[in-house]
PDB file of all heavy atoms in Angstrom:
ATOM      1  N   LEU A   1     -34.668 -35.130  31.201  1.00  0.00           N
ATOM      2  CA  LEU A   1     -33.426 -35.904  31.293  1.00  0.00           C
ATOM      3  C   LEU A   1     -33.552 -37.242  30.565  1.00  0.00           C
ATOM      4  O   LEU A   1     -32.620 -37.682  29.896  1.00  0.00           O
ATOM      5  CB  LEU A   1     -33.049 -36.138  32.759  1.00  0.00           C
ATOM      6  CG  LEU A   1     -32.517 -34.910  33.508  1.00  0.00           C
ATOM      7  CD1 LEU A   1     -32.363 -35.219  34.989  1.00  0.00           C
ATOM      8  CD2 LEU A   1     -31.197 -34.449  32.916  1.00  0.00           C
ATOM      9  N   ALA A   2     -34.707 -37.872  30.678  1.00  0.00           N
ATOM     10  CA  ALA A   2     -34.920 -39.143  29.980  1.00  0.00           C
ATOM     11  C   ALA A   2     -34.864 -38.943  28.469  1.00  0.00           C
ATOM     12  O   ALA A   2     -34.276 -39.742  27.748  1.00  0.00           O
ATOM     13  CB  ALA A   2     -36.264 -39.748  30.392  1.00  0.00           C
ATOM     14  N   LEU A   3     -35.478 -37.857  27.993  1.00  0.00           N
ATOM     15  CA  LEU A   3     -35.455 -37.565  26.563  1.00  0.00           C
ATOM     16  C   LEU A   3     -34.028 -37.273  26.090  1.00  0.00           C
ATOM     17  O   LEU A   3     -33.602 -37.773  25.055  1.00  0.00           O
ATOM     18  CB  LEU A   3     -36.361 -36.367  26.260  1.00  0.00           C
ATOM     19  CG  LEU A   3     -36.439 -35.935  24.797  1.00  0.00           C
ATOM     20  CD1 LEU A   3     -36.978 -37.075  23.936  1.00  0.00           C
ATOM     21  CD2 LEU A   3     -37.316 -34.711  24.655  1.00  0.00           C
ATOM     22  N   LEU A   4     -33.281 -36.507  26.874  1.00  0.00           N
ATOM     23  CA  LEU A   4     -31.892 -36.208  26.527  1.00  0.00           C
ATOM     24  C   LEU A   4     -31.077 -37.499  26.451  1.00  0.00           C
ATOM     25  O   LEU A   4     -30.308 -37.707  25.515  1.00  0.00           O
ATOM     26  CB  LEU A   4     -31.283 -35.254  27.561  1.00  0.00           C
ATOM     27  CG  LEU A   4     -29.853 -34.813  27.312  1.00  0.00           C
ATOM     28  CD1 LEU A   4     -29.761 -34.009  26.021  1.00  0.00           C
ATOM     29  CD2 LEU A   4     -29.344 -33.976  28.476  1.00  0.00           C
ATOM     30  N   GLY A   5     -31.272 -38.374  27.407  1.00  0.00           N
ATOM     31  CA  GLY A   5     -30.575 -39.664  27.399  1.00  0.00           C
ATOM     32  C   GLY A   5     -30.947 -40.496  26.184  1.00  0.00           C
ATOM     33  O   GLY A   5     -30.096 -41.120  25.559  1.00  0.00           O
ATOM     34  N   ALA A   6     -32.209 -40.481  25.821  1.00  0.00           N
ATOM     35  CA  ALA A   6     -32.659 -41.247  24.649  1.00  0.00           C
ATOM     36  C   ALA A   6     -32.052 -40.673  23.374  1.00  0.00           C
ATOM     37  O   ALA A   6     -31.633 -41.417  22.495  1.00  0.00           O
ATOM     38  CB  ALA A   6     -34.184 -41.226  24.571  1.00  0.00           C
ATOM     39  N   LEU A   7     -31.980 -39.354  23.279  1.00  0.00           N
ATOM     40  CA  LEU A   7     -31.385 -38.732  22.099  1.00  0.00           C
ATOM     41  C   LEU A   7     -29.908 -39.086  21.987  1.00  0.00           C
ATOM     42  O   LEU A   7     -29.406 -39.377  20.912  1.00  0.00           O
ATOM     43  CB  LEU A   7     -31.560 -37.215  22.148  1.00  0.00           C
ATOM     44  CG  LEU A   7     -32.978 -36.699  21.919  1.00  0.00           C
ATOM     45  CD1 LEU A   7     -33.051 -35.195  22.158  1.00  0.00           C
ATOM     46  CD2 LEU A   7     -33.457 -37.035  20.525  1.00  0.00           C
ATOM     47  N   ARG A   8     -29.207 -39.045  23.105  1.00  0.00           N
ATOM     48  CA  ARG A   8     -27.783 -39.393  23.068  1.00  0.00           C
ATOM     49  C   ARG A   8     -27.582 -40.857  22.715  1.00  0.00           C
ATOM     50  O   ARG A   8     -26.656 -41.193  21.994  1.00  0.00           O
ATOM     51  CB  ARG A   8     -27.127 -39.088  24.415  1.00  0.00           C
ATOM     52  CG  ARG A   8     -26.959 -37.618  24.634  1.00  0.00           C
ATOM     53  CD  ARG A   8     -26.156 -37.336  25.859  1.00  0.00           C
ATOM     54  NE  ARG A   8     -26.003 -35.906  25.986  1.00  0.00           N
ATOM     55  CZ  ARG A   8     -25.038 -35.336  26.643  1.00  0.00           C
ATOM     56  NH1 ARG A   8     -24.150 -36.056  27.248  1.00  0.00           N
ATOM     57  NH2 ARG A   8     -24.959 -34.035  26.718  1.00  0.00           N
ATOM     58  N   ALA A   9     -28.443 -41.715  23.201  1.00  0.00           N
ATOM     59  CA  ALA A   9     -28.312 -43.148  22.910  1.00  0.00           C
ATOM     60  C   ALA A   9     -28.604 -43.438  21.445  1.00  0.00           C
ATOM     61  O   ALA A   9     -28.150 -44.429  20.903  1.00  0.00           O
ATOM     62  CB  ALA A   9     -29.257 -43.943  23.812  1.00  0.00           C
ATOM     63  N   GLN A  10     -29.346 -42.557  20.806  1.00  0.00           N
ATOM     64  CA  GLN A  10     -29.745 -42.782  19.421  1.00  0.00           C
ATOM     65  C   GLN A  10     -28.922 -41.961  18.440  1.00  0.00           C
ATOM     66  O   GLN A  10     -29.316 -41.781  17.306  1.00  0.00           O
ATOM     67  CB  GLN A  10     -31.222 -42.423  19.244  1.00  0.00           C
ATOM     68  CG  GLN A  10     -32.143 -43.342  20.005  1.00  0.00           C
ATOM     69  CD  GLN A  10     -33.578 -42.881  19.892  1.00  0.00           C
ATOM     70  OE1 GLN A  10     -33.876 -41.795  19.426  1.00  0.00           O
ATOM     71  NE2 GLN A  10     -34.492 -43.725  20.330  1.00  0.00           N
ATOM     72  N   ASP A  11     -27.768 -41.463  18.858  1.00  0.00           N
ATOM     73  CA  ASP A  11     -27.034 -40.599  17.937  1.00  0.00           C
ATOM     74  C   ASP A  11     -26.433 -41.372  16.780  1.00  0.00           C
ATOM     75  O   ASP A  11     -25.825 -40.787  15.905  1.00  0.00           O
ATOM     76  CB  ASP A  11     -25.995 -39.757  18.670  1.00  0.00           C
ATOM     77  CG  ASP A  11     -24.909 -40.567  19.331  1.00  0.00           C
ATOM     78  OD1 ASP A  11     -24.911 -41.801  19.209  1.00  0.00           O
ATOM     79  OD2 ASP A  11     -24.044 -39.972  19.964  1.00  0.00           O
ATOM     80  N   GLY A  12     -26.601 -42.680  16.749  1.00  0.00           N
ATOM     81  CA  GLY A  12     -26.325 -43.456  15.557  1.00  0.00           C
ATOM     82  C   GLY A  12     -24.886 -43.855  15.309  1.00  0.00           C
ATOM     83  O   GLY A  12     -24.607 -44.496  14.316  1.00  0.00           O
ATOM     84  N   VAL A  13     -23.958 -43.463  16.157  1.00  0.00           N
ATOM     85  CA  VAL A  13     -22.573 -43.831  15.923  1.00  0.00           C
ATOM     86  C   VAL A  13     -22.148 -44.850  16.979  1.00  0.00           C
ATOM     87  O   VAL A  13     -21.972 -44.513  18.139  1.00  0.00           O
ATOM     88  CB  VAL A  13     -21.638 -42.599  15.963  1.00  0.00           C
ATOM     89  CG1 VAL A  13     -20.208 -43.002  15.666  1.00  0.00           C
ATOM     90  CG2 VAL A  13     -22.105 -41.559  14.963  1.00  0.00           C
ATOM     91  N   PRO A  14     -21.994 -46.109  16.553  1.00  0.00           N
ATOM     92  CA  PRO A  14     -21.631 -47.152  17.506  1.00  0.00           C
ATOM     93  C   PRO A  14     -20.146 -47.079  17.890  1.00  0.00           C
ATOM     94  O   PRO A  14     -19.364 -46.371  17.259  1.00  0.00           O
ATOM     95  CB  PRO A  14     -21.911 -48.438  16.727  1.00  0.00           C
ATOM     96  CG  PRO A  14     -21.694 -48.042  15.298  1.00  0.00           C
ATOM     97  CD  PRO A  14     -22.135 -46.609  15.192  1.00  0.00           C
ATOM     98  N   VAL A  15     -19.802 -47.805  18.916  1.00  0.00           N
ATOM     99  CA  VAL A  15     -18.409 -47.948  19.334  1.00  0.00           C
ATOM    100  C   VAL A  15     -18.068 -49.437  19.294  1.00  0.00           C
ATOM    101  O   VAL A  15     -18.918 -50.287  19.580  1.00  0.00           O
ATOM    102  CB  VAL A  15     -18.189 -47.374  20.756  1.00  0.00           C
ATOM    103  CG1 VAL A  15     -16.780 -47.608  21.246  1.00  0.00           C
ATOM    104  CG2 VAL A  15     -18.496 -45.876  20.775  1.00  0.00           C
ATOM    105  N   GLN A  16     -16.840 -49.747  18.913  1.00  0.00           N
ATOM    106  CA  GLN A  16     -16.371 -51.137  18.820  1.00  0.00           C
ATOM    107  C   GLN A  16     -16.738 -51.923  20.084  1.00  0.00           C
ATOM    108  O   GLN A  16     -16.429 -51.500  21.189  1.00  0.00           O
ATOM    109  CB  GLN A  16     -14.846 -51.134  18.633  1.00  0.00           C
ATOM    110  CG  GLN A  16     -14.189 -52.496  18.712  1.00  0.00           C
ATOM    111  CD  GLN A  16     -14.400 -53.325  17.468  1.00  0.00           C
ATOM    112  OE1 GLN A  16     -14.585 -52.807  16.387  1.00  0.00           O
ATOM    113  NE2 GLN A  16     -14.394 -54.619  17.626  1.00  0.00           N
ATOM    114  N   THR A  17     -17.375 -53.059  19.899  1.00  0.00           N
ATOM    115  CA  THR A  17     -17.708 -53.937  21.018  1.00  0.00           C
ATOM    116  C   THR A  17     -16.419 -54.506  21.597  1.00  0.00           C
ATOM    117  O   THR A  17     -15.505 -54.854  20.853  1.00  0.00           O
ATOM    118  CB  THR A  17     -18.604 -55.090  20.519  1.00  0.00           C
ATOM    119  OG1 THR A  17     -19.727 -54.528  19.839  1.00  0.00           O
ATOM    120  CG2 THR A  17     -19.098 -55.954  21.663  1.00  0.00           C
ATOM    121  N   ASP A  18     -16.330 -54.598  22.912  1.00  0.00           N
ATOM    122  CA  ASP A  18     -15.143 -55.136  23.597  1.00  0.00           C
ATOM    123  C   ASP A  18     -13.857 -54.451  23.136  1.00  0.00           C
ATOM    124  O   ASP A  18     -12.850 -55.106  22.848  1.00  0.00           O
ATOM    125  CB  ASP A  18     -15.025 -56.655  23.382  1.00  0.00           C
ATOM    126  CG  ASP A  18     -16.224 -57.402  23.931  1.00  0.00           C
ATOM    127  OD1 ASP A  18     -16.748 -56.974  24.984  1.00  0.00           O
ATOM    128  OD2 ASP A  18     -16.647 -58.390  23.308  1.00  0.00           O
ATOM    129  N   PHE A  19     -13.893 -53.127  23.059  1.00  0.00           N
ATOM    130  CA  PHE A  19     -12.743 -52.354  22.601  1.00  0.00           C
ATOM    131  C   PHE A  19     -11.515 -52.648  23.460  1.00  0.00           C
ATOM    132  O   PHE A  19     -11.588 -52.644  24.679  1.00  0.00           O
ATOM    133  CB  PHE A  19     -13.068 -50.862  22.652  1.00  0.00           C
ATOM    134  CG  PHE A  19     -11.916 -49.990  22.241  1.00  0.00           C
ATOM    135  CD1 PHE A  19     -11.532 -49.907  20.915  1.00  0.00           C
ATOM    136  CD2 PHE A  19     -11.216 -49.259  23.185  1.00  0.00           C
ATOM    137  CE1 PHE A  19     -10.470 -49.099  20.528  1.00  0.00           C
ATOM    138  CE2 PHE A  19     -10.160 -48.447  22.806  1.00  0.00           C
ATOM    139  CZ  PHE A  19      -9.785 -48.373  21.482  1.00  0.00           C
ATOM    140  N   GLN A  20     -10.387 -52.904  22.803  1.00  0.00           N
ATOM    141  CA  GLN A  20      -9.121 -53.199  23.489  1.00  0.00           C
ATOM    142  C   GLN A  20      -8.097 -52.158  23.054  1.00  0.00           C
ATOM    143  O   GLN A  20      -7.457 -52.295  22.008  1.00  0.00           O
ATOM    144  CB  GLN A  20      -8.661 -54.610  23.152  1.00  0.00           C
ATOM    145  CG  GLN A  20      -9.650 -55.664  23.633  1.00  0.00           C
ATOM    146  CD  GLN A  20      -9.279 -57.047  23.145  1.00  0.00           C
ATOM    147  OE1 GLN A  20      -8.115 -57.433  23.179  1.00  0.00           O
ATOM    148  NE2 GLN A  20     -10.272 -57.777  22.667  1.00  0.00           N
ATOM    149  N   GLN A  21      -7.947 -51.142  23.874  1.00  0.00           N
ATOM    150  CA  GLN A  21      -7.130 -49.988  23.531  1.00  0.00           C
ATOM    151  C   GLN A  21      -5.680 -50.354  23.216  1.00  0.00           C
ATOM    152  O   GLN A  21      -5.089 -49.808  22.290  1.00  0.00           O
ATOM    153  CB  GLN A  21      -7.180 -48.980  24.685  1.00  0.00           C
ATOM    154  CG  GLN A  21      -6.420 -47.713  24.407  1.00  0.00           C
ATOM    155  CD  GLN A  21      -6.740 -46.633  25.397  1.00  0.00           C
ATOM    156  OE1 GLN A  21      -7.906 -46.303  25.594  1.00  0.00           O
ATOM    157  NE2 GLN A  21      -5.726 -46.080  26.021  1.00  0.00           N
ATOM    158  N   ASP A  22      -5.105 -51.288  23.950  1.00  0.00           N
ATOM    159  CA  ASP A  22      -3.699 -51.652  23.726  1.00  0.00           C
ATOM    160  C   ASP A  22      -3.465 -52.202  22.320  1.00  0.00           C
ATOM    161  O   ASP A  22      -2.386 -52.041  21.756  1.00  0.00           O
ATOM    162  CB  ASP A  22      -3.218 -52.644  24.785  1.00  0.00           C
ATOM    163  CG  ASP A  22      -4.037 -53.931  24.791  1.00  0.00           C
ATOM    164  OD1 ASP A  22      -5.282 -53.857  24.681  1.00  0.00           O
ATOM    165  OD2 ASP A  22      -3.435 -55.010  24.916  1.00  0.00           O
ATOM    166  N   LYS A  23      -4.482 -52.823  21.734  1.00  0.00           N
ATOM    167  CA  LYS A  23      -4.331 -53.383  20.386  1.00  0.00           C
ATOM    168  C   LYS A  23      -4.441 -52.314  19.295  1.00  0.00           C
ATOM    169  O   LYS A  23      -4.082 -52.563  18.151  1.00  0.00           O
ATOM    170  CB  LYS A  23      -5.377 -54.472  20.136  1.00  0.00           C
ATOM    171  CG  LYS A  23      -5.136 -55.737  20.929  1.00  0.00           C
ATOM    172  CD  LYS A  23      -6.146 -56.782  20.534  1.00  0.00           C
ATOM    173  CE  LYS A  23      -5.859 -58.106  21.215  1.00  0.00           C
ATOM    174  NZ  LYS A  23      -6.794 -59.144  20.748  1.00  0.00           N
ATOM    175  N   LEU A  24      -4.949 -51.130  19.654  1.00  0.00           N
ATOM    176  CA  LEU A  24      -5.088 -50.048  18.677  1.00  0.00           C
ATOM    177  C   LEU A  24      -3.777 -49.277  18.498  1.00  0.00           C
ATOM    178  O   LEU A  24      -3.580 -48.596  17.506  1.00  0.00           O
ATOM    179  CB  LEU A  24      -6.198 -49.087  19.105  1.00  0.00           C
ATOM    180  CG  LEU A  24      -6.642 -48.065  18.064  1.00  0.00           C
ATOM    181  CD1 LEU A  24      -7.369 -48.758  16.911  1.00  0.00           C
ATOM    182  CD2 LEU A  24      -7.531 -47.012  18.692  1.00  0.00           C
ATOM    183  N   THR A  25      -2.874 -49.421  19.449  1.00  0.00           N
ATOM    184  CA  THR A  25      -1.630 -48.661  19.386  1.00  0.00           C
ATOM    185  C   THR A  25      -0.735 -49.157  18.248  1.00  0.00           C
ATOM    186  O   THR A  25      -0.888 -50.260  17.750  1.00  0.00           O
ATOM    187  CB  THR A  25      -0.863 -48.742  20.724  1.00  0.00           C
ATOM    188  OG1 THR A  25      -0.581 -50.105  21.010  1.00  0.00           O
ATOM    189  CG2 THR A  25      -1.677 -48.138  21.861  1.00  0.00           C
ATOM    190  N   GLY A  26       0.180 -48.296  17.842  1.00  0.00           N
ATOM    191  CA  GLY A  26       1.115 -48.636  16.780  1.00  0.00           C
ATOM    192  C   GLY A  26       0.934 -47.747  15.572  1.00  0.00           C
ATOM    193  O   GLY A  26       0.256 -46.723  15.618  1.00  0.00           O
ATOM    194  N   ARG A  27       1.561 -48.146  14.471  1.00  0.00           N
ATOM    195  CA  ARG A  27       1.553 -47.359  13.232  1.00  0.00           C
ATOM    196  C   ARG A  27       0.343 -47.718  12.368  1.00  0.00           C
ATOM    197  O   ARG A  27       0.025 -48.875  12.170  1.00  0.00           O
ATOM    198  CB  ARG A  27       2.821 -47.631  12.436  1.00  0.00           C
ATOM    199  CG  ARG A  27       2.844 -46.919  11.081  1.00  0.00           C
ATOM    200  CD  ARG A  27       4.034 -47.325  10.257  1.00  0.00           C
ATOM    201  NE  ARG A  27       5.272 -46.942  10.891  1.00  0.00           N
ATOM    202  CZ  ARG A  27       5.958 -45.843  10.585  1.00  0.00           C
ATOM    203  NH1 ARG A  27       5.527 -45.044   9.644  1.00  0.00           N
ATOM    204  NH2 ARG A  27       7.074 -45.573  11.198  1.00  0.00           N
ATOM    205  N   TRP A  28      -0.282 -46.663  11.838  1.00  0.00           N
ATOM    206  CA  TRP A  28      -1.408 -46.791  10.921  1.00  0.00           C
ATOM    207  C   TRP A  28      -1.183 -45.854   9.738  1.00  0.00           C
ATOM    208  O   TRP A  28      -0.487 -44.847   9.862  1.00  0.00           O
ATOM    209  CB  TRP A  28      -2.718 -46.367  11.607  1.00  0.00           C
ATOM    210  CG  TRP A  28      -3.179 -47.264  12.701  1.00  0.00           C
ATOM    211  CD1 TRP A  28      -2.923 -47.127  14.037  1.00  0.00           C
ATOM    212  CD2 TRP A  28      -4.001 -48.427  12.575  1.00  0.00           C
ATOM    213  NE1 TRP A  28      -3.542 -48.132  14.736  1.00  0.00           N
ATOM    214  CE2 TRP A  28      -4.205 -48.948  13.866  1.00  0.00           C
ATOM    215  CE3 TRP A  28      -4.584 -49.074  11.495  1.00  0.00           C
ATOM    216  CZ2 TRP A  28      -4.968 -50.079  14.107  1.00  0.00           C
ATOM    217  CZ3 TRP A  28      -5.350 -50.212  11.736  1.00  0.00           C
ATOM    218  CH2 TRP A  28      -5.531 -50.700  13.026  1.00  0.00           C
ATOM    219  N   TYR A  29      -1.804 -46.171   8.615  1.00  0.00           N
ATOM    220  CA  TYR A  29      -1.838 -45.276   7.467  1.00  0.00           C
ATOM    221  C   TYR A  29      -3.259 -44.783   7.301  1.00  0.00           C
ATOM    222  O   TYR A  29      -4.203 -45.561   7.395  1.00  0.00           O
ATOM    223  CB  TYR A  29      -1.405 -46.003   6.184  1.00  0.00           C
ATOM    224  CG  TYR A  29       0.036 -46.436   6.232  1.00  0.00           C
ATOM    225  CD1 TYR A  29       0.373 -47.733   6.614  1.00  0.00           C
ATOM    226  CD2 TYR A  29       1.060 -45.547   5.904  1.00  0.00           C
ATOM    227  CE1 TYR A  29       1.696 -48.134   6.678  1.00  0.00           C
ATOM    228  CE2 TYR A  29       2.390 -45.945   5.963  1.00  0.00           C
ATOM    229  CZ  TYR A  29       2.702 -47.232   6.354  1.00  0.00           C
ATOM    230  OH  TYR A  29       4.011 -47.621   6.423  1.00  0.00           O
ATOM    231  N   SER A  30      -3.413 -43.485   7.051  1.00  0.00           N
ATOM    232  CA  SER A  30      -4.738 -42.932   6.757  1.00  0.00           C
ATOM    233  C   SER A  30      -5.042 -43.230   5.298  1.00  0.00           C
ATOM    234  O   SER A  30      -4.408 -42.685   4.405  1.00  0.00           O
ATOM    235  CB  SER A  30      -4.745 -41.420   6.980  1.00  0.00           C
ATOM    236  OG  SER A  30      -4.491 -41.132   8.323  1.00  0.00           O
ATOM    237  N   ILE A  31      -5.990 -44.120   5.082  1.00  0.00           N
ATOM    238  CA  ILE A  31      -6.348 -44.571   3.737  1.00  0.00           C
ATOM    239  C   ILE A  31      -7.529 -43.772   3.196  1.00  0.00           C
ATOM    240  O   ILE A  31      -7.582 -43.433   2.028  1.00  0.00           O
ATOM    241  CB  ILE A  31      -6.712 -46.078   3.755  1.00  0.00           C
ATOM    242  CG1 ILE A  31      -5.523 -46.908   4.234  1.00  0.00           C
ATOM    243  CG2 ILE A  31      -7.235 -46.540   2.419  1.00  0.00           C
ATOM    244  CD1 ILE A  31      -4.426 -47.072   3.217  1.00  0.00           C
ATOM    245  N   GLY A  32      -8.499 -43.486   4.062  1.00  0.00           N
ATOM    246  CA  GLY A  32      -9.700 -42.780   3.640  1.00  0.00           C
ATOM    247  C   GLY A  32     -10.046 -41.664   4.604  1.00  0.00           C
ATOM    248  O   GLY A  32      -9.792 -41.766   5.802  1.00  0.00           O
ATOM    249  N   LEU A  33     -10.626 -40.597   4.062  1.00  0.00           N
ATOM    250  CA  LEU A  33     -11.070 -39.473   4.874  1.00  0.00           C
ATOM    251  C   LEU A  33     -12.360 -38.944   4.258  1.00  0.00           C
ATOM    252  O   LEU A  33     -12.439 -38.738   3.042  1.00  0.00           O
ATOM    253  CB  LEU A  33     -10.003 -38.369   4.887  1.00  0.00           C
ATOM    254  CG  LEU A  33     -10.335 -37.086   5.633  1.00  0.00           C
ATOM    255  CD1 LEU A  33     -10.587 -37.351   7.119  1.00  0.00           C
ATOM    256  CD2 LEU A  33      -9.195 -36.084   5.481  1.00  0.00           C
ATOM    257  N   ALA A  34     -13.355 -38.755   5.097  1.00  0.00           N
ATOM    258  CA  ALA A  34     -14.629 -38.190   4.650  1.00  0.00           C
ATOM    259  C   ALA A  34     -15.026 -37.106   5.642  1.00  0.00           C
ATOM    260  O   ALA A  34     -14.854 -37.278   6.849  1.00  0.00           O
ATOM    261  CB  ALA A  34     -15.697 -39.280   4.592  1.00  0.00           C
ATOM    262  N   SER A  35     -15.524 -35.994   5.126  1.00  0.00           N
ATOM    263  CA  SER A  35     -15.920 -34.907   6.015  1.00  0.00           C
ATOM    264  C   SER A  35     -16.820 -33.921   5.284  1.00  0.00           C
ATOM    265  O   SER A  35     -16.702 -33.733   4.077  1.00  0.00           O
ATOM    266  CB  SER A  35     -14.680 -34.178   6.540  1.00  0.00           C
ATOM    267  OG  SER A  35     -15.066 -33.106   7.384  1.00  0.00           O
ATOM    268  N   ASN A  36     -17.698 -33.284   6.047  1.00  0.00           N
ATOM    269  CA  ASN A  36     -18.534 -32.221   5.488  1.00  0.00           C
ATOM    270  C   ASN A  36     -18.079 -30.856   5.996  1.00  0.00           C
ATOM    271  O   ASN A  36     -18.807 -29.883   5.914  1.00  0.00           O
ATOM    272  CB  ASN A  36     -20.015 -32.466   5.805  1.00  0.00           C
ATOM    273  CG  ASN A  36     -20.275 -32.576   7.296  1.00  0.00           C
ATOM    274  OD1 ASN A  36     -19.390 -32.418   8.125  1.00  0.00           O
ATOM    275  ND2 ASN A  36     -21.518 -32.869   7.636  1.00  0.00           N
ATOM    276  N   SER A  37     -16.847 -30.768   6.490  1.00  0.00           N
ATOM    277  CA  SER A  37     -16.319 -29.499   6.997  1.00  0.00           C
ATOM    278  C   SER A  37     -15.807 -28.633   5.844  1.00  0.00           C
ATOM    279  O   SER A  37     -15.445 -29.131   4.778  1.00  0.00           O
ATOM    280  CB  SER A  37     -15.187 -29.753   7.987  1.00  0.00           C
ATOM    281  OG  SER A  37     -14.075 -30.301   7.299  1.00  0.00           O
ATOM    282  N   ASN A  38     -15.758 -27.338   6.068  1.00  0.00           N
ATOM    283  CA  ASN A  38     -15.280 -26.414   5.043  1.00  0.00           C
ATOM    284  C   ASN A  38     -13.807 -26.629   4.724  1.00  0.00           C
ATOM    285  O   ASN A  38     -13.405 -26.573   3.571  1.00  0.00           O
ATOM    286  CB  ASN A  38     -15.522 -24.969   5.482  1.00  0.00           C
ATOM    287  CG  ASN A  38     -16.991 -24.616   5.442  1.00  0.00           C
ATOM    288  OD1 ASN A  38     -17.752 -25.173   4.656  1.00  0.00           O
ATOM    289  ND2 ASN A  38     -17.408 -23.703   6.291  1.00  0.00           N
ATOM    290  N   TRP A  39     -12.965 -26.892   5.759  1.00  0.00           N
ATOM    291  CA  TRP A  39     -11.534 -27.077   5.487  1.00  0.00           C
ATOM    292  C   TRP A  39     -11.307 -28.274   4.577  1.00  0.00           C
ATOM    293  O   TRP A  39     -10.414 -28.261   3.735  1.00  0.00           O
ATOM    294  CB  TRP A  39     -10.711 -27.184   6.772  1.00  0.00           C
ATOM    295  CG  TRP A  39     -10.954 -28.430   7.575  1.00  0.00           C
ATOM    296  CD1 TRP A  39     -11.766 -28.561   8.662  1.00  0.00           C
ATOM    297  CD2 TRP A  39     -10.389 -29.736   7.353  1.00  0.00           C
ATOM    298  NE1 TRP A  39     -11.758 -29.858   9.109  1.00  0.00           N
ATOM    299  CE2 TRP A  39     -10.915 -30.599   8.328  1.00  0.00           C
ATOM    300  CE3 TRP A  39      -9.494 -30.250   6.425  1.00  0.00           C
ATOM    301  CZ2 TRP A  39     -10.577 -31.952   8.401  1.00  0.00           C
ATOM    302  CZ3 TRP A  39      -9.162 -31.599   6.502  1.00  0.00           C
ATOM    303  CH2 TRP A  39      -9.705 -32.422   7.487  1.00  0.00           C
ATOM    304  N   PHE A  40     -12.114 -29.328   4.749  1.00  0.00           N
ATOM    305  CA  PHE A  40     -11.959 -30.515   3.900  1.00  0.00           C
ATOM    306  C   PHE A  40     -12.290 -30.167   2.447  1.00  0.00           C
ATOM    307  O   PHE A  40     -11.563 -30.536   1.529  1.00  0.00           O
ATOM    308  CB  PHE A  40     -12.854 -31.651   4.409  1.00  0.00           C
ATOM    309  CG  PHE A  40     -12.775 -32.892   3.573  1.00  0.00           C
ATOM    310  CD1 PHE A  40     -11.671 -33.728   3.648  1.00  0.00           C
ATOM    311  CD2 PHE A  40     -13.793 -33.239   2.707  1.00  0.00           C
ATOM    312  CE1 PHE A  40     -11.586 -34.880   2.878  1.00  0.00           C
ATOM    313  CE2 PHE A  40     -13.727 -34.385   1.928  1.00  0.00           C
ATOM    314  CZ  PHE A  40     -12.614 -35.204   2.018  1.00  0.00           C
ATOM    315  N   LYS A  41     -13.385 -29.449   2.242  1.00  0.00           N
ATOM    316  CA  LYS A  41     -13.784 -29.072   0.883  1.00  0.00           C
ATOM    317  C   LYS A  41     -12.701 -28.224   0.214  1.00  0.00           C
ATOM    318  O   LYS A  41     -12.424 -28.376  -0.967  1.00  0.00           O
ATOM    319  CB  LYS A  41     -15.118 -28.325   0.914  1.00  0.00           C
ATOM    320  CG  LYS A  41     -16.277 -29.218   1.321  1.00  0.00           C
ATOM    321  CD  LYS A  41     -17.541 -28.419   1.576  1.00  0.00           C
ATOM    322  CE  LYS A  41     -18.603 -29.311   2.171  1.00  0.00           C
ATOM    323  NZ  LYS A  41     -19.745 -28.583   2.692  1.00  0.00           N
ATOM    324  N   GLU A  42     -12.061 -27.338   1.002  1.00  0.00           N
ATOM    325  CA  GLU A  42     -11.026 -26.460   0.458  1.00  0.00           C
ATOM    326  C   GLU A  42      -9.712 -27.189   0.192  1.00  0.00           C
ATOM    327  O   GLU A  42      -8.992 -26.859  -0.741  1.00  0.00           O
ATOM    328  CB  GLU A  42     -10.771 -25.301   1.424  1.00  0.00           C
ATOM    329  CG  GLU A  42     -11.944 -24.353   1.548  1.00  0.00           C
ATOM    330  CD  GLU A  42     -11.807 -23.401   2.725  1.00  0.00           C
ATOM    331  OE1 GLU A  42     -10.726 -23.347   3.354  1.00  0.00           O
ATOM    332  OE2 GLU A  42     -12.791 -22.702   3.025  1.00  0.00           O
ATOM    333  N   LYS A  43      -9.366 -28.168   1.010  1.00  0.00           N
ATOM    334  CA  LYS A  43      -8.049 -28.825   0.933  1.00  0.00           C
ATOM    335  C   LYS A  43      -8.080 -30.219   0.316  1.00  0.00           C
ATOM    336  O   LYS A  43      -7.042 -30.839   0.132  1.00  0.00           O
ATOM    337  CB  LYS A  43      -7.441 -28.947   2.342  1.00  0.00           C
ATOM    338  CG  LYS A  43      -7.344 -27.647   3.102  1.00  0.00           C
ATOM    339  CD  LYS A  43      -6.225 -26.798   2.590  1.00  0.00           C
ATOM    340  CE  LYS A  43      -6.048 -25.567   3.465  1.00  0.00           C
ATOM    341  NZ  LYS A  43      -5.120 -24.633   2.914  1.00  0.00           N
ATOM    342  N   LYS A  44      -9.258 -30.719  -0.006  1.00  0.00           N
ATOM    343  CA  LYS A  44      -9.421 -32.100  -0.484  1.00  0.00           C
ATOM    344  C   LYS A  44      -8.471 -32.444  -1.630  1.00  0.00           C
ATOM    345  O   LYS A  44      -7.857 -33.512  -1.637  1.00  0.00           O
ATOM    346  CB  LYS A  44     -10.881 -32.293  -0.896  1.00  0.00           C
ATOM    347  CG  LYS A  44     -11.225 -33.638  -1.429  1.00  0.00           C
ATOM    348  CD  LYS A  44     -12.708 -33.692  -1.792  1.00  0.00           C
ATOM    349  CE  LYS A  44     -13.022 -34.919  -2.588  1.00  0.00           C
ATOM    350  NZ  LYS A  44     -14.403 -34.964  -3.026  1.00  0.00           N
ATOM    351  N   HIS A  45      -8.322 -31.557  -2.583  1.00  0.00           N
ATOM    352  CA  HIS A  45      -7.486 -31.823  -3.761  1.00  0.00           C
ATOM    353  C   HIS A  45      -5.992 -31.912  -3.426  1.00  0.00           C
ATOM    354  O   HIS A  45      -5.210 -32.429  -4.207  1.00  0.00           O
ATOM    355  CB  HIS A  45      -7.742 -30.755  -4.827  1.00  0.00           C
ATOM    356  CG  HIS A  45      -7.288 -29.391  -4.433  1.00  0.00           C
ATOM    357  ND1 HIS A  45      -7.967 -28.612  -3.520  1.00  0.00           N
ATOM    358  CD2 HIS A  45      -6.204 -28.678  -4.818  1.00  0.00           C
ATOM    359  CE1 HIS A  45      -7.316 -27.474  -3.353  1.00  0.00           C
ATOM    360  NE2 HIS A  45      -6.240 -27.478  -4.131  1.00  0.00           N
ATOM    361  N   LEU A  46      -5.588 -31.428  -2.244  1.00  0.00           N
ATOM    362  CA  LEU A  46      -4.184 -31.460  -1.841  1.00  0.00           C
ATOM    363  C   LEU A  46      -3.844 -32.650  -0.941  1.00  0.00           C
ATOM    364  O   LEU A  46      -2.670 -32.928  -0.694  1.00  0.00           O
ATOM    365  CB  LEU A  46      -3.836 -30.176  -1.069  1.00  0.00           C
ATOM    366  CG  LEU A  46      -4.000 -28.863  -1.813  1.00  0.00           C
ATOM    367  CD1 LEU A  46      -3.844 -27.691  -0.854  1.00  0.00           C
ATOM    368  CD2 LEU A  46      -3.005 -28.781  -2.952  1.00  0.00           C
TER     369      LEU A  46
END
């Protein structure tokens, strides 16, 4: 269990410090997209 916890803690993807969900709401534009999925490779040009 300790090893599993250490692996999860080290998965390398941080989360915004002091995240404020109410400030995230509203309209956004998707400016960039990156992915190693097959659908992305197939549809990237579109």
